[in-house]
Each structure stands twice: as structure tokens, then as C-alpha cells.
Amino acid sequence: MKQRQNQIQQEKEYRASVADNVMRLPILADFIQLLKEKHCLKRKIGIVQFQLSMNKKLRPTLEKAAKKVDDAFDAFQQQPENLELKQMYYCAKGEHMDQMLGLEHLWRELSHMFATDPSTNGDLPMLVAQHLVDGFPLEILDGEVAMFHKLWVETVLLELNK
């Protein structure tokens, strides 16, 4: 039990040490800047344009990955008993998923940053509440690992209530 607590503490310290660098990533900085826009219509249009821009930049990469998935699937369909082809198909699907990027991924990173240090990232829940009021969805349960940050969700809901 003590060893597990030490591992958890080490992981928390590691995440705190990289949090500043993550928050300085241009994509997160640009996203946060959009969220801080005071004018509602500019904020909404900016976020939609931001998502479209991400999609446009990722399109060539995603098309290549989708082609790889299709090719692997076709090969597997020809020989469904071949475990190596089945594994190649699942790997191609995984690579394709890893190359996708949406607003939910950015919010996920921001929720991790908040969980790492709520005092430093205290304005994030207010930005999330505004995002929800603006009519955008928010992923509460991380769909990839089926977990959520209780403090993050509680704080966001308190801000939303305000």
C-alpha cells in the first residue's frame, strides 16, 4: 500500500513538473485565448473556425491513416483466420485514432492541468462554464480511459451554477 502511494505521489510530481510546458503549447495557448474572448459571437465563431482549421490541417494525415485502415481491413477480410493481418488491422485503427484531434482532446488536457494544480489554473472552470453556456458540449467522462476528474467536474458545475 505504501509503495502504491509513493508511485501516485511520484506521478503527481512528474505531472506538475511538465504542466507549465504543456500550458505553453501553442495550440492550448491559442485555444485558451479564444475562450477568453469577451465578445460572445467572436468567441463562438473563433472556436468553430479553430476546430475547422485543426480539421483542415489534419485532413492529409487522417486520409493516409484511413487508407491504411482500409487496406489492412481488406487484407484481413481476404484471410480472416490470419492473426497477423488481424493485428495489423487493429494497429492501423489505433494509429488512425491517435492522429485525431478535437476540442475534447484540448479540454481533456486542460482538465489534467487543473487537476495538477487548481490554484494556478483556477480560471479554467469559469472558461468551461462559459463554453457550455455558449452552447458547446464538454466531455465529462474521458471516453478513451473511462475516467474523470471529480474536482474538475465539481468546480465546473459550481461555476456553471454561478
N, C-alpha and C. Protein backbone atom coordinates (compact mmCIF):
# COMPACT_ATOMS: atom_id res chain seq x y z
N MET A 1 0.82 -1.19 0.00
CA MET A 1 0.00 0.00 0.00
C MET A 1 0.87 1.26 0.00
N LYS A 2 1.88 1.25 0.81
CA LYS A 2 2.79 2.39 0.91
C LYS A 2 3.52 2.61 -0.42
N GLN A 3 3.91 1.51 -1.07
CA GLN A 3 4.59 1.61 -2.35
C GLN A 3 3.67 2.24 -3.40
N ARG A 4 2.41 1.87 -3.40
CA ARG A 4 1.44 2.41 -4.35
C ARG A 4 1.25 3.91 -4.11
N GLN A 5 1.19 4.32 -2.85
CA GLN A 5 1.05 5.74 -2.53
C GLN A 5 2.28 6.53 -2.99
N ASN A 6 3.45 5.92 -2.86
CA ASN A 6 4.68 6.57 -3.34
C ASN A 6 4.65 6.73 -4.86
N GLN A 7 4.18 5.70 -5.56
CA GLN A 7 4.07 5.77 -7.01
C GLN A 7 3.10 6.87 -7.43
N ILE A 8 1.99 6.97 -6.74
CA ILE A 8 1.00 8.01 -7.04
C ILE A 8 1.61 9.39 -6.80
N GLN A 9 2.30 9.55 -5.70
CA GLN A 9 2.93 10.84 -5.39
C GLN A 9 3.99 11.19 -6.44
N GLN A 10 4.78 10.22 -6.87
CA GLN A 10 5.78 10.47 -7.91
C GLN A 10 5.12 10.89 -9.21
N GLU A 11 4.01 10.25 -9.55
CA GLU A 11 3.29 10.61 -10.77
C GLU A 11 2.74 12.02 -10.67
N LYS A 12 2.20 12.39 -9.53
CA LYS A 12 1.69 13.76 -9.34
C LYS A 12 2.82 14.78 -9.49
N GLU A 13 3.96 14.48 -8.91
CA GLU A 13 5.10 15.40 -9.01
C GLU A 13 5.59 15.53 -10.45
N TYR A 14 5.61 14.42 -11.17
CA TYR A 14 6.02 14.46 -12.57
C TYR A 14 5.06 15.32 -13.38
N ARG A 15 3.76 15.10 -13.20
CA ARG A 15 2.76 15.87 -13.95
C ARG A 15 2.86 17.36 -13.64
N ALA A 16 3.09 17.68 -12.39
CA ALA A 16 3.25 19.09 -12.01
C ALA A 16 4.48 19.69 -12.69
N SER A 17 5.54 18.90 -12.83
CA SER A 17 6.77 19.41 -13.43
C SER A 17 6.62 19.69 -14.93
N VAL A 18 5.72 18.99 -15.61
CA VAL A 18 5.55 19.21 -17.04
C VAL A 18 4.34 20.10 -17.37
N ALA A 19 3.54 20.41 -16.36
CA ALA A 19 2.31 21.17 -16.59
C ALA A 19 2.58 22.52 -17.23
N ASP A 20 3.58 23.24 -16.78
CA ASP A 20 3.88 24.56 -17.35
C ASP A 20 4.20 24.46 -18.83
N ASN A 21 4.99 23.47 -19.20
CA ASN A 21 5.34 23.29 -20.62
C ASN A 21 4.11 22.96 -21.45
N VAL A 22 3.24 22.14 -20.91
CA VAL A 22 2.03 21.77 -21.64
C VAL A 22 1.15 23.00 -21.84
N MET A 23 0.99 23.82 -20.81
CA MET A 23 0.15 25.01 -20.92
C MET A 23 0.72 26.02 -21.92
N ARG A 24 2.00 25.93 -22.19
CA ARG A 24 2.63 26.85 -23.15
C ARG A 24 2.58 26.34 -24.59
N LEU A 25 2.03 25.15 -24.80
CA LEU A 25 1.91 24.65 -26.17
C LEU A 25 1.06 25.63 -26.97
N PRO A 26 1.50 25.99 -28.17
CA PRO A 26 0.76 26.98 -28.96
C PRO A 26 -0.71 26.64 -29.15
N ILE A 27 -1.03 25.39 -29.38
CA ILE A 27 -2.43 25.04 -29.63
C ILE A 27 -3.28 25.30 -28.40
N LEU A 28 -2.77 24.97 -27.20
CA LEU A 28 -3.53 25.23 -25.99
C LEU A 28 -3.59 26.72 -25.69
N ALA A 29 -2.49 27.41 -25.90
CA ALA A 29 -2.47 28.86 -25.67
C ALA A 29 -3.46 29.56 -26.59
N ASP A 30 -3.51 29.16 -27.85
CA ASP A 30 -4.47 29.76 -28.80
C ASP A 30 -5.91 29.44 -28.40
N PHE A 31 -6.15 28.22 -27.98
CA PHE A 31 -7.49 27.81 -27.57
C PHE A 31 -7.94 28.61 -26.35
N ILE A 32 -7.08 28.74 -25.36
CA ILE A 32 -7.41 29.50 -24.16
C ILE A 32 -7.66 30.96 -24.51
N GLN A 33 -6.86 31.50 -25.41
CA GLN A 33 -7.07 32.89 -25.83
C GLN A 33 -8.46 33.07 -26.45
N LEU A 34 -8.87 32.12 -27.27
CA LEU A 34 -10.22 32.17 -27.84
C LEU A 34 -11.29 32.11 -26.75
N LEU A 35 -11.09 31.24 -25.78
CA LEU A 35 -12.06 31.09 -24.70
C LEU A 35 -12.18 32.35 -23.86
N LYS A 36 -11.11 33.12 -23.80
CA LYS A 36 -11.11 34.35 -23.00
C LYS A 36 -11.70 35.55 -23.75
N GLU A 37 -12.03 35.37 -25.02
CA GLU A 37 -12.64 36.45 -25.80
C GLU A 37 -13.91 36.91 -25.09
N LYS A 38 -14.03 38.21 -24.87
CA LYS A 38 -15.18 38.75 -24.13
C LYS A 38 -16.46 38.79 -24.97
N HIS A 39 -16.33 39.04 -26.25
CA HIS A 39 -17.49 39.16 -27.13
C HIS A 39 -17.98 37.75 -27.49
N CYS A 40 -19.23 37.46 -27.13
CA CYS A 40 -19.81 36.11 -27.28
C CYS A 40 -19.74 35.60 -28.72
N LEU A 41 -20.17 36.41 -29.66
CA LEU A 41 -20.21 35.97 -31.06
C LEU A 41 -18.80 35.72 -31.59
N LYS A 42 -17.86 36.59 -31.27
CA LYS A 42 -16.47 36.39 -31.70
C LYS A 42 -15.90 35.10 -31.10
N ARG A 43 -16.25 34.85 -29.85
CA ARG A 43 -15.76 33.64 -29.18
C ARG A 43 -16.32 32.40 -29.87
N LYS A 44 -17.64 32.39 -30.12
CA LYS A 44 -18.27 31.23 -30.76
C LYS A 44 -17.72 30.99 -32.16
N ILE A 45 -17.66 32.04 -32.96
CA ILE A 45 -17.13 31.90 -34.32
C ILE A 45 -15.67 31.48 -34.28
N GLY A 46 -14.91 32.07 -33.37
CA GLY A 46 -13.49 31.72 -33.25
C GLY A 46 -13.27 30.26 -32.93
N ILE A 47 -14.08 29.72 -32.04
CA ILE A 47 -13.93 28.31 -31.66
C ILE A 47 -14.30 27.40 -32.83
N VAL A 48 -15.38 27.74 -33.53
CA VAL A 48 -15.77 26.93 -34.70
C VAL A 48 -14.68 26.99 -35.76
N GLN A 49 -14.14 28.18 -36.02
CA GLN A 49 -13.06 28.31 -37.01
C GLN A 49 -11.81 27.57 -36.56
N PHE A 50 -11.54 27.59 -35.28
CA PHE A 50 -10.39 26.88 -34.71
C PHE A 50 -10.52 25.39 -34.99
N GLN A 51 -11.71 24.83 -34.73
CA GLN A 51 -11.95 23.41 -34.99
C GLN A 51 -11.81 23.10 -36.48
N LEU A 52 -12.39 23.95 -37.33
CA LEU A 52 -12.28 23.74 -38.78
C LEU A 52 -10.82 23.79 -39.23
N SER A 53 -10.06 24.70 -38.67
CA SER A 53 -8.65 24.82 -39.02
C SER A 53 -7.87 23.57 -38.61
N MET A 54 -8.16 23.06 -37.41
CA MET A 54 -7.49 21.82 -36.98
C MET A 54 -7.84 20.69 -37.93
N ASN A 55 -9.12 20.58 -38.29
CA ASN A 55 -9.56 19.52 -39.20
C ASN A 55 -8.86 19.63 -40.55
N LYS A 56 -8.76 20.86 -41.07
CA LYS A 56 -8.13 21.08 -42.37
C LYS A 56 -6.65 20.69 -42.35
N LYS A 57 -5.96 21.06 -41.28
CA LYS A 57 -4.54 20.74 -41.17
C LYS A 57 -4.30 19.24 -40.99
N LEU A 58 -5.24 18.58 -40.34
CA LEU A 58 -5.09 17.14 -40.09
C LEU A 58 -5.58 16.27 -41.24
N ARG A 59 -6.37 16.83 -42.13
CA ARG A 59 -7.00 16.04 -43.19
C ARG A 59 -6.02 15.13 -43.95
N PRO A 60 -4.90 15.66 -44.47
CA PRO A 60 -4.00 14.77 -45.23
C PRO A 60 -3.48 13.60 -44.39
N THR A 61 -3.13 13.87 -43.15
CA THR A 61 -2.63 12.82 -42.27
C THR A 61 -3.71 11.79 -41.99
N LEU A 62 -4.92 12.27 -41.72
CA LEU A 62 -6.02 11.35 -41.42
C LEU A 62 -6.44 10.54 -42.64
N GLU A 63 -6.36 11.15 -43.82
CA GLU A 63 -6.70 10.41 -45.03
C GLU A 63 -5.72 9.27 -45.26
N LYS A 64 -4.43 9.52 -45.04
CA LYS A 64 -3.42 8.46 -45.17
C LYS A 64 -3.68 7.35 -44.16
N ALA A 65 -3.98 7.75 -42.93
CA ALA A 65 -4.23 6.75 -41.89
C ALA A 65 -5.50 5.95 -42.20
N ALA A 66 -6.53 6.62 -42.73
CA ALA A 66 -7.77 5.92 -43.08
C ALA A 66 -7.52 4.93 -44.22
N LYS A 67 -6.70 5.32 -45.18
CA LYS A 67 -6.35 4.42 -46.29
C LYS A 67 -5.63 3.19 -45.75
N LYS A 68 -4.75 3.40 -44.80
CA LYS A 68 -4.03 2.28 -44.20
C LYS A 68 -5.00 1.34 -43.48
N VAL A 69 -5.99 1.90 -42.80
CA VAL A 69 -7.01 1.09 -42.13
C VAL A 69 -7.81 0.30 -43.16
N ASP A 70 -8.22 0.97 -44.23
CA ASP A 70 -8.99 0.29 -45.27
C ASP A 70 -8.21 -0.85 -45.90
N ASP A 71 -6.94 -0.58 -46.20
CA ASP A 71 -6.10 -1.62 -46.80
C ASP A 71 -5.91 -2.80 -45.86
N ALA A 72 -5.69 -2.51 -44.59
CA ALA A 72 -5.50 -3.58 -43.61
C ALA A 72 -6.79 -4.38 -43.43
N PHE A 73 -7.92 -3.68 -43.47
CA PHE A 73 -9.21 -4.37 -43.34
C PHE A 73 -9.45 -5.28 -44.54
N ASP A 74 -9.18 -4.77 -45.74
CA ASP A 74 -9.36 -5.58 -46.94
C ASP A 74 -8.49 -6.84 -46.89
N ALA A 75 -7.24 -6.67 -46.46
CA ALA A 75 -6.34 -7.83 -46.37
C ALA A 75 -6.86 -8.83 -45.33
N PHE A 76 -7.32 -8.33 -44.22
CA PHE A 76 -7.85 -9.20 -43.17
C PHE A 76 -9.11 -9.93 -43.65
N GLN A 77 -9.96 -9.24 -44.41
CA GLN A 77 -11.19 -9.86 -44.92
C GLN A 77 -10.87 -11.01 -45.88
N GLN A 78 -9.74 -10.89 -46.59
CA GLN A 78 -9.34 -11.95 -47.51
C GLN A 78 -8.91 -13.21 -46.77
N GLN A 79 -8.32 -13.00 -45.58
CA GLN A 79 -7.82 -14.13 -44.79
C GLN A 79 -8.19 -13.93 -43.32
N PRO A 80 -9.46 -14.07 -42.95
CA PRO A 80 -9.89 -13.77 -41.57
C PRO A 80 -9.25 -14.65 -40.50
N GLU A 81 -8.70 -15.75 -40.88
CA GLU A 81 -8.05 -16.63 -39.90
C GLU A 81 -6.61 -16.21 -39.61
N ASN A 82 -6.08 -15.29 -40.41
CA ASN A 82 -4.70 -14.84 -40.25
C ASN A 82 -4.61 -13.83 -39.11
N LEU A 83 -4.04 -14.26 -37.99
CA LEU A 83 -3.95 -13.40 -36.80
C LEU A 83 -3.02 -12.20 -37.00
N GLU A 84 -2.01 -12.38 -37.83
CA GLU A 84 -1.09 -11.27 -38.09
C GLU A 84 -1.81 -10.14 -38.85
N LEU A 85 -2.64 -10.50 -39.83
CA LEU A 85 -3.42 -9.49 -40.56
C LEU A 85 -4.44 -8.81 -39.65
N LYS A 86 -5.02 -9.60 -38.75
CA LYS A 86 -5.97 -9.03 -37.79
C LYS A 86 -5.26 -8.01 -36.89
N GLN A 87 -4.07 -8.35 -36.42
CA GLN A 87 -3.28 -7.45 -35.58
C GLN A 87 -2.89 -6.19 -36.35
N MET A 88 -2.52 -6.34 -37.61
CA MET A 88 -2.16 -5.18 -38.44
C MET A 88 -3.37 -4.25 -38.60
N TYR A 89 -4.55 -4.83 -38.76
CA TYR A 89 -5.77 -4.03 -38.89
C TYR A 89 -6.02 -3.24 -37.60
N TYR A 90 -5.94 -3.90 -36.46
CA TYR A 90 -6.17 -3.21 -35.19
C TYR A 90 -5.11 -2.15 -34.92
N CYS A 91 -3.88 -2.42 -35.30
CA CYS A 91 -2.82 -1.40 -35.15
C CYS A 91 -3.10 -0.19 -36.03
N ALA A 92 -3.54 -0.43 -37.25
CA ALA A 92 -3.85 0.68 -38.17
C ALA A 92 -5.00 1.52 -37.61
N LYS A 93 -6.02 0.86 -37.05
CA LYS A 93 -7.13 1.59 -36.44
C LYS A 93 -6.65 2.43 -35.26
N GLY A 94 -5.78 1.86 -34.46
CA GLY A 94 -5.23 2.59 -33.31
C GLY A 94 -4.42 3.80 -33.73
N GLU A 95 -3.60 3.64 -34.76
CA GLU A 95 -2.81 4.76 -35.27
C GLU A 95 -3.72 5.86 -35.81
N HIS A 96 -4.77 5.46 -36.49
CA HIS A 96 -5.73 6.43 -37.04
C HIS A 96 -6.37 7.22 -35.90
N MET A 97 -6.80 6.54 -34.86
CA MET A 97 -7.42 7.21 -33.72
C MET A 97 -6.44 8.14 -33.01
N ASP A 98 -5.18 7.71 -32.92
CA ASP A 98 -4.16 8.53 -32.24
C ASP A 98 -3.88 9.83 -32.99
N GLN A 99 -4.18 9.88 -34.27
CA GLN A 99 -3.88 11.06 -35.06
C GLN A 99 -5.04 12.05 -35.11
N MET A 100 -6.16 11.69 -34.51
CA MET A 100 -7.31 12.59 -34.49
C MET A 100 -7.11 13.62 -33.39
N LEU A 101 -7.68 14.80 -33.62
CA LEU A 101 -7.58 15.86 -32.63
C LEU A 101 -8.85 16.70 -32.69
N GLY A 102 -9.49 16.86 -31.56
CA GLY A 102 -10.69 17.67 -31.48
C GLY A 102 -10.68 18.50 -30.22
N LEU A 103 -11.69 19.31 -30.07
CA LEU A 103 -11.78 20.16 -28.88
C LEU A 103 -11.81 19.33 -27.60
N GLU A 104 -12.41 18.13 -27.68
CA GLU A 104 -12.47 17.29 -26.48
C GLU A 104 -11.07 16.92 -25.99
N HIS A 105 -10.12 16.79 -26.92
CA HIS A 105 -8.75 16.48 -26.52
C HIS A 105 -8.11 17.67 -25.82
N LEU A 106 -8.41 18.87 -26.30
CA LEU A 106 -7.87 20.06 -25.67
C LEU A 106 -8.46 20.24 -24.27
N TRP A 107 -9.77 20.04 -24.16
CA TRP A 107 -10.40 20.14 -22.84
C TRP A 107 -9.85 19.08 -21.90
N ARG A 108 -9.57 17.92 -22.43
CA ARG A 108 -9.01 16.84 -21.60
C ARG A 108 -7.66 17.28 -21.03
N GLU A 109 -6.83 17.87 -21.87
CA GLU A 109 -5.53 18.36 -21.39
C GLU A 109 -5.72 19.45 -20.34
N LEU A 110 -6.66 20.35 -20.59
CA LEU A 110 -6.89 21.43 -19.63
C LEU A 110 -7.42 20.88 -18.30
N SER A 111 -8.25 19.84 -18.37
CA SER A 111 -8.73 19.25 -17.12
C SER A 111 -7.58 18.62 -16.34
N HIS A 112 -6.64 18.03 -17.06
CA HIS A 112 -5.45 17.46 -16.39
C HIS A 112 -4.62 18.56 -15.75
N MET A 113 -4.49 19.69 -16.45
CA MET A 113 -3.73 20.80 -15.91
C MET A 113 -4.40 21.35 -14.64
N PHE A 114 -5.71 21.45 -14.68
CA PHE A 114 -6.44 21.92 -13.50
C PHE A 114 -6.25 20.94 -12.34
N ALA A 115 -6.38 19.65 -12.62
CA ALA A 115 -6.24 18.64 -11.57
C ALA A 115 -4.82 18.65 -10.98
N THR A 116 -3.85 18.99 -11.81
CA THR A 116 -2.47 19.04 -11.35
C THR A 116 -2.27 20.16 -10.34
N ASP A 117 -2.86 21.34 -10.64
CA ASP A 117 -2.70 22.48 -9.74
C ASP A 117 -3.89 23.43 -9.89
N PRO A 118 -4.96 23.18 -9.13
CA PRO A 118 -6.16 24.01 -9.23
C PRO A 118 -5.92 25.49 -8.92
N SER A 119 -4.97 25.78 -8.05
CA SER A 119 -4.74 27.19 -7.69
C SER A 119 -4.13 27.98 -8.84
N THR A 120 -3.26 27.36 -9.61
CA THR A 120 -2.62 28.03 -10.74
C THR A 120 -3.56 28.14 -11.93
N ASN A 121 -4.39 27.14 -12.12
CA ASN A 121 -5.28 27.08 -13.28
C ASN A 121 -6.73 27.34 -12.89
N GLY A 122 -6.92 28.22 -11.93
CA GLY A 122 -8.23 28.48 -11.36
C GLY A 122 -9.25 29.11 -12.30
N ASP A 123 -8.80 29.76 -13.37
CA ASP A 123 -9.76 30.39 -14.29
C ASP A 123 -10.31 29.40 -15.31
N LEU A 124 -9.76 28.22 -15.41
CA LEU A 124 -10.22 27.24 -16.39
C LEU A 124 -11.68 26.83 -16.18
N PRO A 125 -12.13 26.55 -14.94
CA PRO A 125 -13.53 26.17 -14.78
C PRO A 125 -14.51 27.26 -15.23
N MET A 126 -14.16 28.51 -15.03
CA MET A 126 -15.01 29.60 -15.49
C MET A 126 -15.07 29.61 -17.01
N LEU A 127 -13.96 29.34 -17.66
CA LEU A 127 -13.93 29.29 -19.13
C LEU A 127 -14.78 28.12 -19.65
N VAL A 128 -14.73 27.01 -18.92
CA VAL A 128 -15.54 25.85 -19.31
C VAL A 128 -17.02 26.17 -19.16
N ALA A 129 -17.38 26.79 -18.06
CA ALA A 129 -18.78 27.15 -17.83
C ALA A 129 -19.27 28.06 -18.96
N GLN A 130 -18.45 29.03 -19.34
CA GLN A 130 -18.82 29.93 -20.43
C GLN A 130 -18.96 29.16 -21.74
N HIS A 131 -18.07 28.20 -21.95
CA HIS A 131 -18.11 27.36 -23.15
C HIS A 131 -19.45 26.60 -23.22
N LEU A 132 -19.87 26.08 -22.09
CA LEU A 132 -21.15 25.37 -22.03
C LEU A 132 -22.32 26.32 -22.27
N VAL A 133 -22.28 27.49 -21.65
CA VAL A 133 -23.33 28.49 -21.84
C VAL A 133 -23.40 28.92 -23.31
N ASP A 134 -22.24 28.95 -23.97
CA ASP A 134 -22.18 29.30 -25.39
C ASP A 134 -22.81 28.23 -26.28
N GLY A 135 -23.12 27.07 -25.69
CA GLY A 135 -23.80 26.03 -26.45
C GLY A 135 -22.91 24.90 -26.94
N PHE A 136 -21.67 24.89 -26.50
CA PHE A 136 -20.75 23.83 -26.90
C PHE A 136 -20.81 22.67 -25.90
N PRO A 137 -20.54 21.46 -26.36
CA PRO A 137 -20.52 20.32 -25.43
C PRO A 137 -19.20 20.24 -24.69
N LEU A 138 -19.21 19.48 -23.63
CA LEU A 138 -17.99 19.23 -22.86
C LEU A 138 -17.96 17.76 -22.48
N GLU A 139 -16.84 17.14 -22.74
CA GLU A 139 -16.67 15.74 -22.36
C GLU A 139 -16.35 15.68 -20.87
N ILE A 140 -17.24 15.08 -20.12
CA ILE A 140 -17.02 14.94 -18.68
C ILE A 140 -16.25 13.66 -18.38
N LEU A 141 -16.66 12.60 -19.05
CA LEU A 141 -16.01 11.30 -18.88
C LEU A 141 -15.06 11.10 -20.04
N ASP A 142 -13.79 10.96 -19.75
CA ASP A 142 -12.79 10.72 -20.78
C ASP A 142 -13.13 9.41 -21.47
N GLY A 143 -13.56 9.49 -22.72
CA GLY A 143 -14.02 8.33 -23.45
C GLY A 143 -12.93 7.32 -23.78
N GLU A 144 -11.68 7.73 -23.70
CA GLU A 144 -10.60 6.82 -24.05
C GLU A 144 -10.19 5.94 -22.87
N VAL A 145 -10.29 6.48 -21.67
CA VAL A 145 -9.87 5.70 -20.50
C VAL A 145 -10.97 5.55 -19.46
N ALA A 146 -12.17 6.06 -19.77
CA ALA A 146 -13.34 5.93 -18.91
C ALA A 146 -13.06 6.42 -17.49
N MET A 147 -12.56 7.64 -17.39
CA MET A 147 -12.32 8.24 -16.07
C MET A 147 -12.67 9.72 -16.13
N PHE A 148 -12.79 10.34 -14.99
CA PHE A 148 -12.98 11.78 -14.94
C PHE A 148 -12.35 12.32 -13.66
N HIS A 149 -12.07 13.61 -13.68
CA HIS A 149 -11.51 14.28 -12.51
C HIS A 149 -12.66 14.86 -11.71
N LYS A 150 -12.90 14.30 -10.55
CA LYS A 150 -14.03 14.71 -9.72
C LYS A 150 -13.95 16.20 -9.39
N LEU A 151 -12.79 16.66 -8.94
CA LEU A 151 -12.64 18.07 -8.58
C LEU A 151 -12.92 18.98 -9.77
N TRP A 152 -12.44 18.58 -10.95
CA TRP A 152 -12.65 19.36 -12.17
C TRP A 152 -14.15 19.49 -12.46
N VAL A 153 -14.86 18.38 -12.46
CA VAL A 153 -16.28 18.39 -12.77
C VAL A 153 -17.06 19.19 -11.72
N GLU A 154 -16.75 18.96 -10.45
CA GLU A 154 -17.44 19.70 -9.39
C GLU A 154 -17.21 21.21 -9.53
N THR A 155 -15.99 21.60 -9.78
CA THR A 155 -15.66 23.02 -9.90
C THR A 155 -16.33 23.64 -11.12
N VAL A 156 -16.34 22.92 -12.22
CA VAL A 156 -17.01 23.41 -13.43
C VAL A 156 -18.50 23.59 -13.16
N LEU A 157 -19.14 22.62 -12.51
CA LEU A 157 -20.57 22.71 -12.23
C LEU A 157 -20.87 23.86 -11.26
N LEU A 158 -19.99 24.09 -10.31
CA LEU A 158 -20.18 25.24 -9.41
C LEU A 158 -20.10 26.55 -10.19
N GLU A 159 -19.15 26.63 -11.11
CA GLU A 159 -19.03 27.83 -11.94
C GLU A 159 -20.25 28.00 -12.83
N LEU A 160 -20.73 26.92 -13.37
CA LEU A 160 -21.92 26.94 -14.23
C LEU A 160 -23.13 27.44 -13.44
N ASN A 161 -23.22 27.01 -12.18
CA ASN A 161 -24.32 27.43 -11.32
C ASN A 161 -24.29 28.94 -11.07
N LYS A 162 -23.09 29.51 -11.02
CA LYS A 162 -22.97 30.97 -10.81
C LYS A 162 -23.56 31.72 -11.97
